[in-house]
Amino acid sequence: MRTLTTAIVFGLCLIAAACSSHSRAPVGRWEGVYESQDTMVAARLETAADATVRVSAPDALGIQTNDPNERASLRANLAQDLAAHWAAVAPRQMDFDGRIFRKPGGIAPQIEWNPHTNTMVLDVYFGTAPALRIPLKPVKDFSDDPWPS
């Protein structure tokens, strides 16, 4: 009986240790963009081990042009807005379960981390529409222009 009790306690300790290691959020910076016919978003994300995040995602919605020069101008404006306002972005505390960041007590995913690839997906919500999922890649330093060349 004592061996069984010891085994159970040891097993519970292993489970607790595994769970606690998953609650530590990844630390780093990520950036990415989204572009469709009528929507553009440029995004930055910075995370700390305590699941505090800084995130900014300026957008252009309802784009009514296919003109390459106008679209390039929109991209440049979003990149400039992202860089210019980043210093003022306040950190927010999130709940983190080892893979998904949520607002404290919230249900909807805000950010999803893939620990195998160290990539993030930022879920951006516009009104009642389903989340727009923006893939973010890890970066050492943020770029002045997150749009791929």
C-alpha atoms as a PDB file:
ATOM      1  CA  MET A   1       0.000   0.000   0.000  1.00  0.00           C
ATOM      2  CA  ARG A   2       2.836   2.373   0.859  1.00  0.00           C
ATOM      3  CA  THR A   3       4.453   1.722  -2.553  1.00  0.00           C
ATOM      4  CA  LEU A   4       1.161   2.536  -4.297  1.00  0.00           C
ATOM      5  CA  THR A   5       0.793   5.770  -2.311  1.00  0.00           C
ATOM      6  CA  THR A   6       4.385   6.752  -3.102  1.00  0.00           C
ATOM      7  CA  ALA A   7       3.806   6.021  -6.804  1.00  0.00           C
ATOM      8  CA  ILE A   8       0.640   8.119  -6.844  1.00  0.00           C
ATOM      9  CA  VAL A   9       2.330  11.056  -5.098  1.00  0.00           C
ATOM     10  CA  PHE A  10       5.300  10.811  -7.472  1.00  0.00           C
ATOM     11  CA  GLY A  11       2.930  10.726 -10.473  1.00  0.00           C
ATOM     12  CA  LEU A  12       1.037  13.783  -9.222  1.00  0.00           C
ATOM     13  CA  CYS A  13       4.324  15.639  -8.736  1.00  0.00           C
ATOM     14  CA  LEU A  14       5.314  14.839 -12.324  1.00  0.00           C
ATOM     15  CA  ILE A  15       1.946  16.070 -13.599  1.00  0.00           C
ATOM     16  CA  ALA A  16       2.231  19.277 -11.557  1.00  0.00           C
ATOM     17  CA  ALA A  17       5.760  19.879 -12.831  1.00  0.00           C
ATOM     18  CA  ALA A  18       4.671  19.326 -16.421  1.00  0.00           C
ATOM     19  CA  CYS A  19       1.733  21.695 -16.062  1.00  0.00           C
ATOM     20  CA  SER A  20       3.784  24.412 -14.407  1.00  0.00           C
ATOM     21  CA  SER A  21       6.420  24.337 -17.144  1.00  0.00           C
ATOM     22  CA  HIS A  22       3.707  24.858 -19.753  1.00  0.00           C
ATOM     23  CA  SER A  23       2.384  27.984 -18.042  1.00  0.00           C
ATOM     24  CA  ARG A  24       5.614  29.841 -18.779  1.00  0.00           C
ATOM     25  CA  ALA A  25       5.007  31.848 -21.923  1.00  0.00           C
ATOM     26  CA  PRO A  26       7.560  32.089 -24.724  1.00  0.00           C
ATOM     27  CA  VAL A  27       9.729  35.195 -24.677  1.00  0.00           C
ATOM     28  CA  GLY A  28      10.386  37.062 -27.882  1.00  0.00           C
ATOM     29  CA  ARG A  29       9.197  39.193 -30.752  1.00  0.00           C
ATOM     30  CA  TRP A  30       7.108  38.288 -33.766  1.00  0.00           C
ATOM     31  CA  GLU A  31       5.776  40.204 -36.746  1.00  0.00           C
ATOM     32  CA  GLY A  32       3.643  39.530 -39.770  1.00  0.00           C
ATOM     33  CA  VAL A  33       1.135  40.898 -42.220  1.00  0.00           C
ATOM     34  CA  TYR A  34      -2.167  39.992 -43.771  1.00  0.00           C
ATOM     35  CA  GLU A  35      -3.406  41.189 -47.127  1.00  0.00           C
ATOM     36  CA  SER A  36      -6.536  40.380 -49.101  1.00  0.00           C
ATOM     37  CA  GLN A  37      -8.505  42.216 -51.761  1.00  0.00           C
ATOM     38  CA  ASP A  38     -10.161  44.539 -49.215  1.00  0.00           C
ATOM     39  CA  THR A  39      -8.102  44.230 -45.994  1.00  0.00           C
ATOM     40  CA  MET A  40      -4.514  44.872 -44.907  1.00  0.00           C
ATOM     41  CA  VAL A  41      -3.062  44.397 -41.419  1.00  0.00           C
ATOM     42  CA  ALA A  42       0.521  44.826 -40.182  1.00  0.00           C
ATOM     43  CA  ALA A  43       1.173  43.239 -36.770  1.00  0.00           C
ATOM     44  CA  ARG A  44       3.820  43.203 -34.050  1.00  0.00           C
ATOM     45  CA  LEU A  45       3.866  41.094 -30.933  1.00  0.00           C
ATOM     46  CA  GLU A  46       6.229  40.966 -27.971  1.00  0.00           C
ATOM     47  CA  THR A  47       5.785  38.450 -25.154  1.00  0.00           C
ATOM     48  CA  ALA A  48       7.294  38.009 -21.701  1.00  0.00           C
ATOM     49  CA  ALA A  49       7.578  34.843 -19.596  1.00  0.00           C
ATOM     50  CA  ASP A  50       4.739  35.974 -17.302  1.00  0.00           C
ATOM     51  CA  ALA A  51       2.324  36.051 -20.313  1.00  0.00           C
ATOM     52  CA  THR A  52       2.430  39.821 -20.544  1.00  0.00           C
ATOM     53  CA  VAL A  53       2.102  40.836 -24.179  1.00  0.00           C
ATOM     54  CA  ARG A  54       2.453  43.974 -26.232  1.00  0.00           C
ATOM     55  CA  VAL A  55       0.587  43.794 -29.509  1.00  0.00           C
ATOM     56  CA  SER A  56      -0.251  46.267 -32.238  1.00  0.00           C
ATOM     57  CA  ALA A  57      -2.053  45.602 -35.497  1.00  0.00           C
ATOM     58  CA  PRO A  58      -3.009  48.709 -37.493  1.00  0.00           C
ATOM     59  CA  ASP A  59      -5.356  47.913 -40.350  1.00  0.00           C
ATOM     60  CA  ALA A  60      -6.890  49.218 -43.542  1.00  0.00           C
ATOM     61  CA  LEU A  61     -10.388  47.859 -44.133  1.00  0.00           C
ATOM     62  CA  GLY A  62     -12.694  48.197 -47.121  1.00  0.00           C
ATOM     63  CA  ILE A  63      -9.884  48.770 -49.595  1.00  0.00           C
ATOM     64  CA  GLN A  64     -11.413  49.712 -52.944  1.00  0.00           C
ATOM     65  CA  THR A  65      -8.370  49.630 -55.203  1.00  0.00           C
ATOM     66  CA  ASN A  66      -6.305  47.195 -57.209  1.00  0.00           C
ATOM     67  CA  ASP A  67      -3.852  49.898 -58.268  1.00  0.00           C
ATOM     68  CA  PRO A  68      -0.381  48.631 -57.297  1.00  0.00           C
ATOM     69  CA  ASN A  69       0.848  52.134 -56.385  1.00  0.00           C
ATOM     70  CA  GLU A  70      -2.114  52.833 -54.101  1.00  0.00           C
ATOM     71  CA  ARG A  71      -1.758  49.434 -52.435  1.00  0.00           C
ATOM     72  CA  ALA A  72       1.976  50.056 -51.938  1.00  0.00           C
ATOM     73  CA  SER A  73       1.122  53.399 -50.345  1.00  0.00           C
ATOM     74  CA  LEU A  74      -1.351  51.693 -47.976  1.00  0.00           C
ATOM     75  CA  ARG A  75       1.313  49.143 -46.985  1.00  0.00           C
ATOM     76  CA  ALA A  76       3.831  51.931 -46.343  1.00  0.00           C
ATOM     77  CA  ASN A  77       1.317  53.866 -44.210  1.00  0.00           C
ATOM     78  CA  LEU A  78       0.532  50.788 -42.090  1.00  0.00           C
ATOM     79  CA  ALA A  79       4.226  50.008 -41.609  1.00  0.00           C
ATOM     80  CA  GLN A  80       4.914  53.621 -40.632  1.00  0.00           C
ATOM     81  CA  ASP A  81       1.962  53.632 -38.213  1.00  0.00           C
ATOM     82  CA  LEU A  82       3.133  50.387 -36.650  1.00  0.00           C
ATOM     83  CA  ALA A  83       6.682  51.661 -36.096  1.00  0.00           C
ATOM     84  CA  ALA A  84       5.656  55.166 -34.975  1.00  0.00           C
ATOM     85  CA  HIS A  85       3.220  54.013 -32.298  1.00  0.00           C
ATOM     86  CA  TRP A  86       5.006  50.911 -30.993  1.00  0.00           C
ATOM     87  CA  ALA A  87       6.669  52.714 -28.064  1.00  0.00           C
ATOM     88  CA  ALA A  88       3.243  53.726 -26.733  1.00  0.00           C
ATOM     89  CA  VAL A  89       1.801  50.189 -26.791  1.00  0.00           C
ATOM     90  CA  ALA A  90       1.013  49.203 -23.211  1.00  0.00           C
ATOM     91  CA  PRO A  91       1.647  45.647 -22.023  1.00  0.00           C
ATOM     92  CA  ARG A  92      -1.401  43.499 -21.297  1.00  0.00           C
ATOM     93  CA  GLN A  93      -1.600  40.499 -19.027  1.00  0.00           C
ATOM     94  CA  MET A  94      -2.973  37.375 -20.685  1.00  0.00           C
ATOM     95  CA  ASP A  95      -3.864  33.893 -19.519  1.00  0.00           C
ATOM     96  CA  PHE A  96      -1.570  31.320 -21.146  1.00  0.00           C
ATOM     97  CA  ASP A  97      -2.195  27.573 -21.148  1.00  0.00           C
ATOM     98  CA  GLY A  98       1.039  26.475 -22.800  1.00  0.00           C
ATOM     99  CA  ARG A  99      -0.166  27.146 -26.330  1.00  0.00           C
ATOM    100  CA  ILE A 100      -2.962  29.759 -26.367  1.00  0.00           C
ATOM    101  CA  PHE A 101      -3.070  33.281 -24.955  1.00  0.00           C
ATOM    102  CA  ARG A 102      -6.494  34.533 -23.888  1.00  0.00           C
ATOM    103  CA  LYS A 103      -7.729  37.692 -22.191  1.00  0.00           C
ATOM    104  CA  PRO A 104      -7.884  37.076 -18.426  1.00  0.00           C
ATOM    105  CA  GLY A 105     -10.885  34.849 -17.804  1.00  0.00           C
ATOM    106  CA  GLY A 106     -11.679  34.875 -21.519  1.00  0.00           C
ATOM    107  CA  ILE A 107     -12.617  32.077 -23.866  1.00  0.00           C
ATOM    108  CA  ALA A 108     -11.684  33.325 -27.333  1.00  0.00           C
ATOM    109  CA  PRO A 109      -8.074  32.737 -28.399  1.00  0.00           C
ATOM    110  CA  GLN A 110      -6.103  35.938 -28.944  1.00  0.00           C
ATOM    111  CA  ILE A 111      -2.709  34.471 -29.854  1.00  0.00           C
ATOM    112  CA  GLU A 112      -1.693  30.885 -30.582  1.00  0.00           C
ATOM    113  CA  TRP A 113       1.897  29.696 -30.190  1.00  0.00           C
ATOM    114  CA  ASN A 114       3.397  26.738 -31.995  1.00  0.00           C
ATOM    115  CA  PRO A 115       6.302  25.630 -29.766  1.00  0.00           C
ATOM    116  CA  HIS A 116       7.716  23.366 -32.487  1.00  0.00           C
ATOM    117  CA  THR A 117       8.195  26.185 -35.006  1.00  0.00           C
ATOM    118  CA  ASN A 118       8.274  29.129 -32.553  1.00  0.00           C
ATOM    119  CA  THR A 119       5.639  30.877 -34.650  1.00  0.00           C
ATOM    120  CA  MET A 120       2.537  32.719 -33.510  1.00  0.00           C
ATOM    121  CA  VAL A 121      -0.887  33.276 -34.998  1.00  0.00           C
ATOM    122  CA  LEU A 122      -2.586  36.500 -33.983  1.00  0.00           C
ATOM    123  CA  ASP A 123      -6.380  36.363 -33.982  1.00  0.00           C
ATOM    124  CA  VAL A 124      -7.795  39.773 -34.905  1.00  0.00           C
ATOM    125  CA  TYR A 125     -11.508  40.361 -34.426  1.00  0.00           C
ATOM    126  CA  PHE A 126     -13.385  42.934 -36.528  1.00  0.00           C
ATOM    127  CA  GLY A 127     -16.891  43.307 -35.129  1.00  0.00           C
ATOM    128  CA  THR A 128     -18.846  40.056 -35.187  1.00  0.00           C
ATOM    129  CA  ALA A 129     -16.892  38.522 -38.073  1.00  0.00           C
ATOM    130  CA  PRO A 130     -14.852  35.375 -37.418  1.00  0.00           C
ATOM    131  CA  ALA A 131     -11.287  35.977 -36.321  1.00  0.00           C
ATOM    132  CA  LEU A 132      -8.788  36.969 -38.957  1.00  0.00           C
ATOM    133  CA  ARG A 133      -5.771  34.726 -38.340  1.00  0.00           C
ATOM    134  CA  ILE A 134      -2.444  36.429 -39.023  1.00  0.00           C
ATOM    135  CA  PRO A 135       0.685  34.254 -39.021  1.00  0.00           C
ATOM    136  CA  LEU A 136       3.644  35.881 -37.278  1.00  0.00           C
ATOM    137  CA  LYS A 137       7.283  34.882 -37.627  1.00  0.00           C
ATOM    138  CA  PRO A 138       9.896  35.263 -34.902  1.00  0.00           C
ATOM    139  CA  VAL A 139      12.277  38.199 -35.311  1.00  0.00           C
ATOM    140  CA  LYS A 140      15.275  39.385 -33.330  1.00  0.00           C
ATOM    141  CA  ASP A 141      14.378  43.031 -33.958  1.00  0.00           C
ATOM    142  CA  PHE A 142      11.288  44.548 -35.520  1.00  0.00           C
ATOM    143  CA  SER A 143      11.685  45.760 -39.080  1.00  0.00           C
ATOM    144  CA  ASP A 144      10.669  49.153 -40.417  1.00  0.00           C
ATOM    145  CA  ASP A 145       8.650  47.393 -43.105  1.00  0.00           C
ATOM    146  CA  PRO A 146       7.065  44.040 -42.192  1.00  0.00           C
ATOM    147  CA  TRP A 147       5.731  43.509 -45.723  1.00  0.00           C
ATOM    148  CA  PRO A 148       7.652  40.872 -47.685  1.00  0.00           C
ATOM    149  CA  SER A 149       9.604  42.347 -50.597  1.00  0.00           C
END
